[in-house]
Amino acid sequence: MRREPTDAEAKMWRLLRDRRLSHLKFRRQVPFQDYILDFVCFEKHLVIEIDGGQHASSQRDAARTAALVAEGFRVLRYWNNDVLQTPGAVLEDILAKLAEL
């Protein structure tokens, strides 16, 4: 996945990398427990997942989120289409969530 990210993941990485979002360090495709996290900011304990339609109502995703929350992370999920079509709105939402932390 790191070498061939989805279009939405590649777009999100361009928006997050090099401390572009509030000077926060994000990493991508990070192994954590039994999972690979799309994007994570360890400083803020924030995980960002970019999902396609196959993730709708996924029990595996619910279990993954529960495991991450149990470890103290906040998990934000965005649909591929939202990242591709309205990236500004996605970034605004992430910033709003960061302000709550």
N, C-alpha and C. Protein backbone atom coordinates (compact mmCIF):
# COMPACT_ATOMS: atom_id res chain seq x y z
N MET A 1 0.82 -1.20 0.00
CA MET A 1 0.00 0.00 0.00
C MET A 1 0.87 1.26 0.00
N ARG A 2 2.01 1.20 0.64
CA ARG A 2 2.84 2.39 0.70
C ARG A 2 3.37 2.77 -0.68
N ARG A 3 3.70 1.77 -1.47
CA ARG A 3 4.23 2.04 -2.81
C ARG A 3 3.13 2.35 -3.80
N GLU A 4 1.94 1.82 -3.56
CA GLU A 4 0.83 2.04 -4.47
C GLU A 4 -0.43 2.43 -3.69
N PRO A 5 -0.43 3.64 -3.13
CA PRO A 5 -1.61 4.06 -2.37
C PRO A 5 -2.78 4.33 -3.30
N THR A 6 -3.98 4.33 -2.73
CA THR A 6 -5.15 4.72 -3.52
C THR A 6 -5.00 6.20 -3.87
N ASP A 7 -5.78 6.66 -4.82
CA ASP A 7 -5.74 8.08 -5.18
C ASP A 7 -6.06 8.96 -3.98
N ALA A 8 -7.04 8.54 -3.20
CA ALA A 8 -7.43 9.32 -2.02
C ALA A 8 -6.32 9.34 -0.97
N GLU A 9 -5.66 8.21 -0.75
CA GLU A 9 -4.57 8.16 0.21
C GLU A 9 -3.40 9.03 -0.25
N ALA A 10 -3.10 9.00 -1.54
CA ALA A 10 -2.02 9.83 -2.08
C ALA A 10 -2.35 11.32 -1.90
N LYS A 11 -3.59 11.68 -2.16
CA LYS A 11 -4.01 13.08 -1.99
C LYS A 11 -3.91 13.49 -0.53
N MET A 12 -4.40 12.66 0.37
CA MET A 12 -4.33 12.98 1.80
C MET A 12 -2.88 13.11 2.25
N TRP A 13 -2.01 12.25 1.77
CA TRP A 13 -0.60 12.32 2.16
C TRP A 13 0.02 13.64 1.71
N ARG A 14 -0.35 14.09 0.52
CA ARG A 14 0.17 15.39 0.04
C ARG A 14 -0.29 16.53 0.96
N LEU A 15 -1.45 16.38 1.57
CA LEU A 15 -1.98 17.41 2.47
C LEU A 15 -1.38 17.35 3.87
N LEU A 16 -0.95 16.17 4.30
CA LEU A 16 -0.46 15.98 5.67
C LEU A 16 1.06 15.98 5.79
N ARG A 17 1.76 15.57 4.77
CA ARG A 17 3.20 15.35 4.90
C ARG A 17 3.96 16.64 5.16
N ASP A 18 5.17 16.47 5.62
CA ASP A 18 6.08 17.60 5.89
C ASP A 18 5.50 18.63 6.85
N ARG A 19 4.70 18.15 7.80
CA ARG A 19 4.12 19.02 8.83
C ARG A 19 3.25 20.13 8.25
N ARG A 20 2.57 19.84 7.14
CA ARG A 20 1.74 20.85 6.47
C ARG A 20 0.47 21.19 7.23
N LEU A 21 0.01 20.29 8.07
CA LEU A 21 -1.22 20.54 8.82
C LEU A 21 -0.85 20.90 10.26
N SER A 22 -0.95 22.17 10.59
CA SER A 22 -0.68 22.66 11.95
C SER A 22 0.69 22.25 12.48
N HIS A 23 1.64 22.06 11.59
CA HIS A 23 3.01 21.70 11.97
C HIS A 23 3.08 20.38 12.73
N LEU A 24 2.10 19.51 12.51
CA LEU A 24 2.07 18.21 13.17
C LEU A 24 2.73 17.15 12.30
N LYS A 25 3.44 16.25 12.94
CA LYS A 25 4.12 15.16 12.25
C LYS A 25 3.15 14.00 12.06
N PHE A 26 2.82 13.72 10.81
CA PHE A 26 2.01 12.55 10.48
C PHE A 26 2.90 11.51 9.81
N ARG A 27 2.61 10.26 10.08
CA ARG A 27 3.27 9.15 9.41
C ARG A 27 2.20 8.38 8.66
N ARG A 28 2.59 7.66 7.63
CA ARG A 28 1.61 6.89 6.86
C ARG A 28 1.97 5.42 6.85
N GLN A 29 0.92 4.61 6.71
CA GLN A 29 1.08 3.15 6.64
C GLN A 29 1.93 2.62 7.79
N VAL A 30 1.49 2.94 9.00
CA VAL A 30 2.24 2.59 10.20
C VAL A 30 1.69 1.30 10.81
N PRO A 31 2.53 0.29 11.00
CA PRO A 31 2.08 -0.92 11.70
C PRO A 31 1.81 -0.60 13.17
N PHE A 32 0.68 -1.08 13.66
CA PHE A 32 0.32 -0.89 15.06
C PHE A 32 -0.53 -2.08 15.47
N GLN A 33 -0.04 -2.84 16.42
CA GLN A 33 -0.68 -4.10 16.82
C GLN A 33 -0.87 -4.96 15.56
N ASP A 34 -2.10 -5.37 15.30
CA ASP A 34 -2.37 -6.21 14.12
C ASP A 34 -2.85 -5.40 12.91
N TYR A 35 -2.67 -4.10 12.95
CA TYR A 35 -3.24 -3.23 11.93
C TYR A 35 -2.16 -2.40 11.23
N ILE A 36 -2.54 -1.89 10.08
CA ILE A 36 -1.73 -0.89 9.39
C ILE A 36 -2.58 0.38 9.38
N LEU A 37 -2.08 1.42 10.02
CA LEU A 37 -2.81 2.67 10.11
C LEU A 37 -2.52 3.52 8.87
N ASP A 38 -3.55 4.06 8.24
CA ASP A 38 -3.33 4.89 7.05
C ASP A 38 -2.44 6.07 7.40
N PHE A 39 -2.86 6.86 8.39
CA PHE A 39 -2.09 8.04 8.82
C PHE A 39 -2.22 8.15 10.33
N VAL A 40 -1.13 8.52 10.98
CA VAL A 40 -1.16 8.67 12.43
C VAL A 40 -0.28 9.83 12.86
N CYS A 41 -0.78 10.59 13.83
CA CYS A 41 0.00 11.62 14.51
C CYS A 41 0.12 11.15 15.95
N PHE A 42 1.28 10.65 16.32
CA PHE A 42 1.47 10.12 17.67
C PHE A 42 1.42 11.24 18.72
N GLU A 43 1.87 12.42 18.35
CA GLU A 43 1.85 13.55 19.28
C GLU A 43 0.44 13.84 19.78
N LYS A 44 -0.54 13.75 18.90
CA LYS A 44 -1.93 14.03 19.26
C LYS A 44 -2.77 12.76 19.43
N HIS A 45 -2.16 11.61 19.30
CA HIS A 45 -2.88 10.33 19.38
C HIS A 45 -4.07 10.33 18.43
N LEU A 46 -3.80 10.70 17.18
CA LEU A 46 -4.85 10.82 16.17
C LEU A 46 -4.55 9.89 15.00
N VAL A 47 -5.53 9.09 14.64
CA VAL A 47 -5.44 8.19 13.49
C VAL A 47 -6.45 8.66 12.46
N ILE A 48 -6.01 8.76 11.21
CA ILE A 48 -6.90 9.12 10.11
C ILE A 48 -6.95 7.95 9.15
N GLU A 49 -8.15 7.46 8.91
CA GLU A 49 -8.36 6.35 7.98
C GLU A 49 -9.14 6.86 6.77
N ILE A 50 -8.70 6.46 5.60
CA ILE A 50 -9.36 6.82 4.35
C ILE A 50 -9.98 5.54 3.80
N ASP A 51 -11.30 5.55 3.65
CA ASP A 51 -12.02 4.32 3.33
C ASP A 51 -12.79 4.41 2.01
N GLY A 52 -12.85 3.28 1.34
CA GLY A 52 -13.69 3.12 0.16
C GLY A 52 -15.00 2.47 0.57
N GLY A 53 -15.87 2.27 -0.38
CA GLY A 53 -17.20 1.72 -0.12
C GLY A 53 -17.19 0.36 0.52
N GLN A 54 -16.12 -0.42 0.33
CA GLN A 54 -16.07 -1.76 0.91
C GLN A 54 -16.00 -1.71 2.44
N HIS A 55 -15.75 -0.53 3.00
CA HIS A 55 -15.65 -0.40 4.45
C HIS A 55 -16.98 -0.04 5.11
N ALA A 56 -18.01 0.20 4.32
CA ALA A 56 -19.31 0.57 4.90
C ALA A 56 -19.81 -0.56 5.80
N SER A 57 -20.13 -0.20 7.01
CA SER A 57 -20.67 -1.15 8.00
C SER A 57 -19.74 -2.34 8.25
N SER A 58 -18.44 -2.11 8.20
CA SER A 58 -17.47 -3.18 8.39
C SER A 58 -17.27 -3.48 9.88
N GLN A 59 -17.50 -4.73 10.26
CA GLN A 59 -17.28 -5.14 11.64
C GLN A 59 -15.80 -5.12 11.98
N ARG A 60 -14.98 -5.44 11.00
CA ARG A 60 -13.53 -5.40 11.22
C ARG A 60 -13.07 -3.97 11.53
N ASP A 61 -13.62 -3.00 10.79
CA ASP A 61 -13.25 -1.61 11.06
C ASP A 61 -13.73 -1.16 12.44
N ALA A 62 -14.91 -1.63 12.85
CA ALA A 62 -15.42 -1.29 14.17
C ALA A 62 -14.52 -1.86 15.26
N ALA A 63 -14.06 -3.09 15.07
CA ALA A 63 -13.15 -3.71 16.04
C ALA A 63 -11.82 -2.98 16.07
N ARG A 64 -11.33 -2.59 14.91
CA ARG A 64 -10.07 -1.85 14.79
C ARG A 64 -10.18 -0.52 15.53
N THR A 65 -11.28 0.19 15.31
CA THR A 65 -11.49 1.47 15.97
C THR A 65 -11.54 1.27 17.48
N ALA A 66 -12.26 0.27 17.92
CA ALA A 66 -12.37 0.00 19.36
C ALA A 66 -10.99 -0.29 19.96
N ALA A 67 -10.17 -1.06 19.27
CA ALA A 67 -8.83 -1.37 19.76
C ALA A 67 -7.97 -0.12 19.84
N LEU A 68 -8.08 0.75 18.85
CA LEU A 68 -7.29 1.98 18.85
C LEU A 68 -7.76 2.93 19.94
N VAL A 69 -9.07 3.04 20.12
CA VAL A 69 -9.61 3.90 21.18
C VAL A 69 -9.16 3.38 22.54
N ALA A 70 -9.13 2.07 22.71
CA ALA A 70 -8.67 1.49 23.97
C ALA A 70 -7.21 1.83 24.26
N GLU A 71 -6.45 2.09 23.19
CA GLU A 71 -5.04 2.48 23.35
C GLU A 71 -4.87 4.00 23.46
N GLY A 72 -5.99 4.73 23.49
CA GLY A 72 -5.92 6.18 23.68
C GLY A 72 -5.93 7.01 22.42
N PHE A 73 -6.19 6.40 21.28
CA PHE A 73 -6.22 7.13 20.02
C PHE A 73 -7.63 7.63 19.72
N ARG A 74 -7.70 8.71 19.00
CA ARG A 74 -8.96 9.16 18.40
C ARG A 74 -8.87 8.79 16.93
N VAL A 75 -9.92 8.18 16.40
CA VAL A 75 -9.91 7.70 15.02
C VAL A 75 -10.90 8.52 14.19
N LEU A 76 -10.39 9.10 13.12
CA LEU A 76 -11.23 9.83 12.17
C LEU A 76 -11.27 9.05 10.88
N ARG A 77 -12.46 8.88 10.32
CA ARG A 77 -12.62 8.14 9.06
C ARG A 77 -13.25 9.06 8.03
N TYR A 78 -12.68 9.01 6.83
CA TYR A 78 -13.19 9.80 5.70
C TYR A 78 -13.32 8.90 4.49
N TRP A 79 -14.33 9.15 3.71
CA TRP A 79 -14.54 8.40 2.48
C TRP A 79 -13.59 8.90 1.40
N ASN A 80 -13.18 7.99 0.54
CA ASN A 80 -12.33 8.34 -0.60
C ASN A 80 -12.89 9.53 -1.36
N ASN A 81 -14.19 9.48 -1.67
CA ASN A 81 -14.81 10.55 -2.47
C ASN A 81 -14.68 11.90 -1.80
N ASP A 82 -14.82 11.94 -0.48
CA ASP A 82 -14.71 13.21 0.23
C ASP A 82 -13.30 13.78 0.12
N VAL A 83 -12.30 12.93 0.26
CA VAL A 83 -10.91 13.39 0.16
C VAL A 83 -10.62 13.89 -1.25
N LEU A 84 -11.12 13.19 -2.25
CA LEU A 84 -10.85 13.56 -3.63
C LEU A 84 -11.64 14.78 -4.09
N GLN A 85 -12.89 14.90 -3.65
CA GLN A 85 -13.75 15.96 -4.16
C GLN A 85 -13.79 17.21 -3.28
N THR A 86 -13.65 17.05 -1.97
CA THR A 86 -13.70 18.20 -1.06
C THR A 86 -12.59 18.12 -0.02
N PRO A 87 -11.34 18.13 -0.46
CA PRO A 87 -10.24 17.99 0.50
C PRO A 87 -10.19 19.13 1.52
N GLY A 88 -10.60 20.32 1.12
CA GLY A 88 -10.60 21.44 2.06
C GLY A 88 -11.54 21.19 3.22
N ALA A 89 -12.71 20.63 2.93
CA ALA A 89 -13.68 20.33 3.99
C ALA A 89 -13.14 19.25 4.92
N VAL A 90 -12.44 18.27 4.36
CA VAL A 90 -11.84 17.21 5.18
C VAL A 90 -10.79 17.82 6.11
N LEU A 91 -9.94 18.68 5.59
CA LEU A 91 -8.92 19.31 6.42
C LEU A 91 -9.54 20.19 7.51
N GLU A 92 -10.60 20.90 7.17
CA GLU A 92 -11.29 21.72 8.17
C GLU A 92 -11.84 20.85 9.30
N ASP A 93 -12.40 19.70 8.92
CA ASP A 93 -12.93 18.78 9.93
C ASP A 93 -11.80 18.25 10.82
N ILE A 94 -10.68 17.89 10.22
CA ILE A 94 -9.55 17.40 11.00
C ILE A 94 -9.07 18.48 11.97
N LEU A 95 -8.96 19.72 11.48
CA LEU A 95 -8.53 20.82 12.35
C LEU A 95 -9.52 21.05 13.49
N ALA A 96 -10.81 20.94 13.20
CA ALA A 96 -11.81 21.10 14.26
C ALA A 96 -11.67 20.01 15.31
N LYS A 97 -11.43 18.78 14.85
CA LYS A 97 -11.26 17.66 15.79
C LYS A 97 -9.98 17.83 16.61
N LEU A 98 -8.91 18.33 15.97
CA LEU A 98 -7.67 18.58 16.69
C LEU A 98 -7.86 19.65 17.77
N ALA A 99 -8.68 20.63 17.49
CA ALA A 99 -8.95 21.70 18.46
C ALA A 99 -9.65 21.16 19.71
N GLU A 100 -10.37 20.04 19.55
CA GLU A 100 -11.08 19.42 20.67
C GLU A 100 -10.15 18.61 21.57
N LEU A 101 -8.98 18.26 21.07
CA LEU A 101 -8.05 17.40 21.83
C LEU A 101 -7.32 18.18 22.91
